Protein backbone atom coordinates (compact mmCIF):
# COMPACT_ATOMS: atom_id res chain seq x y z
CA UNK A 1 0.01 -0.02 0.02
CA UNK A 2 1.28 3.44 -0.94
CA UNK A 3 0.73 5.59 2.13
CA UNK A 4 1.30 8.76 0.09
CA UNK A 5 -1.86 7.88 -1.92
CA UNK A 6 -4.83 9.60 -0.22
CA UNK A 7 -7.28 6.98 -1.59
CA UNK A 8 -5.13 4.17 -0.15
CA UNK A 9 -4.94 5.89 3.26
CA UNK A 10 -8.71 6.38 3.20
CA UNK A 11 -9.27 2.66 2.41
CA UNK A 12 -6.94 1.75 5.29
CA UNK A 13 -8.76 4.11 7.68
CA UNK A 14 -12.18 2.77 6.72
CA UNK A 15 -11.01 -0.85 7.12
CA UNK A 16 -9.54 -0.25 10.55
CA UNK A 17 -12.60 1.72 11.62
CA UNK A 18 -14.85 -1.08 10.42
CA UNK A 19 -12.80 -3.65 12.38
CA UNK A 20 -12.89 -1.55 15.56
CA UNK A 21 -16.28 -3.11 16.36
CA UNK A 22 -16.34 -6.58 17.94
CA UNK A 23 -19.45 -7.69 16.08
CA UNK A 24 -17.89 -6.79 12.72
CA UNK A 25 -14.66 -8.61 13.70
CA UNK A 26 -16.78 -11.66 14.55
CA UNK A 27 -18.52 -11.43 11.16
CA UNK A 28 -15.17 -11.26 9.39
CA UNK A 29 -13.94 -14.26 11.41
CA UNK A 30 -17.11 -16.24 10.49
CA UNK A 31 -16.73 -15.31 6.80
CA UNK A 32 -13.14 -16.56 6.84
CA UNK A 33 -14.68 -20.04 6.85
CA UNK A 34 -16.85 -19.35 3.85
CA UNK A 35 -19.77 -17.21 2.60
CA UNK A 36 -22.90 -16.81 4.72
CA UNK A 37 -26.26 -15.14 4.53
CA UNK A 38 -27.29 -12.27 6.86
CA UNK A 39 -29.50 -14.68 8.80
CA UNK A 40 -26.61 -17.13 9.25
CA UNK A 41 -24.31 -14.30 10.32
CA UNK A 42 -26.94 -13.00 12.81
CA UNK A 43 -27.41 -16.38 14.55
CA UNK A 44 -24.71 -16.02 17.26
CA UNK A 45 -25.60 -12.44 18.16
CA UNK A 46 -28.36 -11.09 20.42
CA UNK A 47 -29.11 -8.33 17.87
CA UNK A 48 -31.57 -8.03 15.04
CA UNK A 49 -30.86 -9.04 11.47
CA UNK A 50 -31.28 -5.38 10.59
CA UNK A 51 -28.42 -4.53 12.93
CA UNK A 52 -26.26 -7.28 11.37
CA UNK A 53 -27.16 -5.88 7.94
CA UNK A 54 -25.89 -2.44 9.07
CA UNK A 55 -22.65 -4.02 10.27
CA UNK A 56 -22.30 -5.75 6.90
CA UNK A 57 -22.89 -2.49 5.11
CA UNK A 58 -20.05 -0.90 7.07
CA UNK A 59 -17.78 -3.86 6.11
CA UNK A 60 -18.88 -3.42 2.51
CA UNK A 61 -18.10 0.29 2.53
CA UNK A 62 -14.67 -0.56 3.88
CA UNK A 63 -14.15 -3.03 1.05
CA UNK A 64 -13.82 -5.98 3.40
CA UNK A 65 -16.88 -7.96 2.19
CA UNK A 66 -19.08 -8.22 -0.85
CA UNK A 67 -22.56 -9.64 -1.48
CA UNK A 68 -23.67 -11.76 -4.42
CA UNK A 69 -26.87 -13.29 -5.59
CA UNK A 70 -27.42 -17.01 -5.50
CA UNK A 71 -31.07 -17.56 -6.48
CA UNK A 72 -32.99 -16.31 -3.39
CA UNK A 73 -29.90 -16.18 -1.25
CA UNK A 74 -27.60 -13.13 -0.99
CA UNK A 75 -24.45 -14.55 0.53
CA UNK A 76 -21.79 -12.29 1.98
CA UNK A 77 -18.18 -13.00 1.01
CA UNK A 78 -14.94 -12.00 2.61
CA UNK A 79 -12.55 -9.98 0.37
CA UNK A 80 -9.22 -11.61 1.06
CA UNK A 81 -7.34 -8.96 -0.94
CA UNK A 82 -8.49 -6.22 1.42
CA UNK A 83 -7.35 -8.21 4.47
CA UNK A 84 -4.04 -8.79 2.74
CA UNK A 85 -3.58 -5.04 2.35
CA UNK A 86 -4.16 -4.56 6.08
CA UNK A 87 -1.79 -7.43 6.89
CA UNK A 88 0.88 -5.93 4.67
CA UNK A 89 0.55 -2.57 6.40
CA UNK A 90 0.80 -4.13 9.85
CA UNK A 91 3.71 -6.39 8.83
CA UNK A 92 5.74 -3.41 7.57
CA UNK A 93 5.70 -1.86 11.03
CA UNK A 94 6.03 -5.18 12.80
CA UNK A 95 9.22 -5.91 10.86
CA UNK A 96 10.66 -2.45 11.76
CA UNK A 97 9.91 -3.11 15.46
CA UNK A 98 11.44 -6.56 15.29
CA UNK A 99 14.57 -5.16 13.71
CA UNK A 100 14.89 -2.62 16.54
CA UNK A 101 14.49 -5.38 19.13
CA UNK A 102 17.16 -7.49 17.38
CA UNK A 103 19.47 -4.48 17.42
CA UNK A 104 18.74 -3.91 21.12
CA UNK A 105 19.37 -7.63 21.82
CA UNK A 106 22.74 -7.37 20.08
CA UNK A 107 23.72 -4.26 22.06
CA UNK A 108 22.63 -5.81 25.38
CA UNK A 109 24.46 -9.04 24.49
CA UNK A 110 27.64 -7.03 23.71
CA UNK A 111 27.27 -5.16 27.01
CA UNK A 112 26.78 -8.38 28.91
CA UNK A 113 29.79 -9.94 27.27
CA UNK A 114 31.89 -6.82 28.00
CA UNK A 115 30.69 -6.85 31.63
CA UNK A 116 31.56 -10.55 32.05
CA UNK A 117 35.05 -10.07 30.63
CA UNK A 118 35.61 -7.00 32.84
CA UNK A 119 34.41 -8.98 35.87
CA UNK A 120 36.71 -11.89 34.98
CA UNK A 121 39.71 -9.54 34.50
CA UNK A 122 39.03 -7.92 37.89
CA UNK A 123 38.93 -11.36 39.55
CA UNK A 124 42.23 -12.38 37.96
CA UNK A 125 44.05 -9.31 39.33
């Protein structure tokens, strides 16, 4: 994702805002196992199907899900590409943080080794 692209930043913002709600995260988790109808998605929640439809609409607006027609059914599908974009964004910063920790580990290891050799030299004198 090109963070200098305003449209890309807006997609990222919408996706994270959509995922800030626990019901929407649960819907995404359920859809990761395959498409489902609004009624199927509403089953585990103590909310109306209309409320679930509104959650799905937010996920659609964020580009995280789509709906299709299958005769009388309108299954909701997860958009794996949108999740991949989020994962790539997160991974970029995770890798930077991991590199910093590896550098810190090296520095601490060098300090510990220097402290051990200094301690050993003091004991030998």
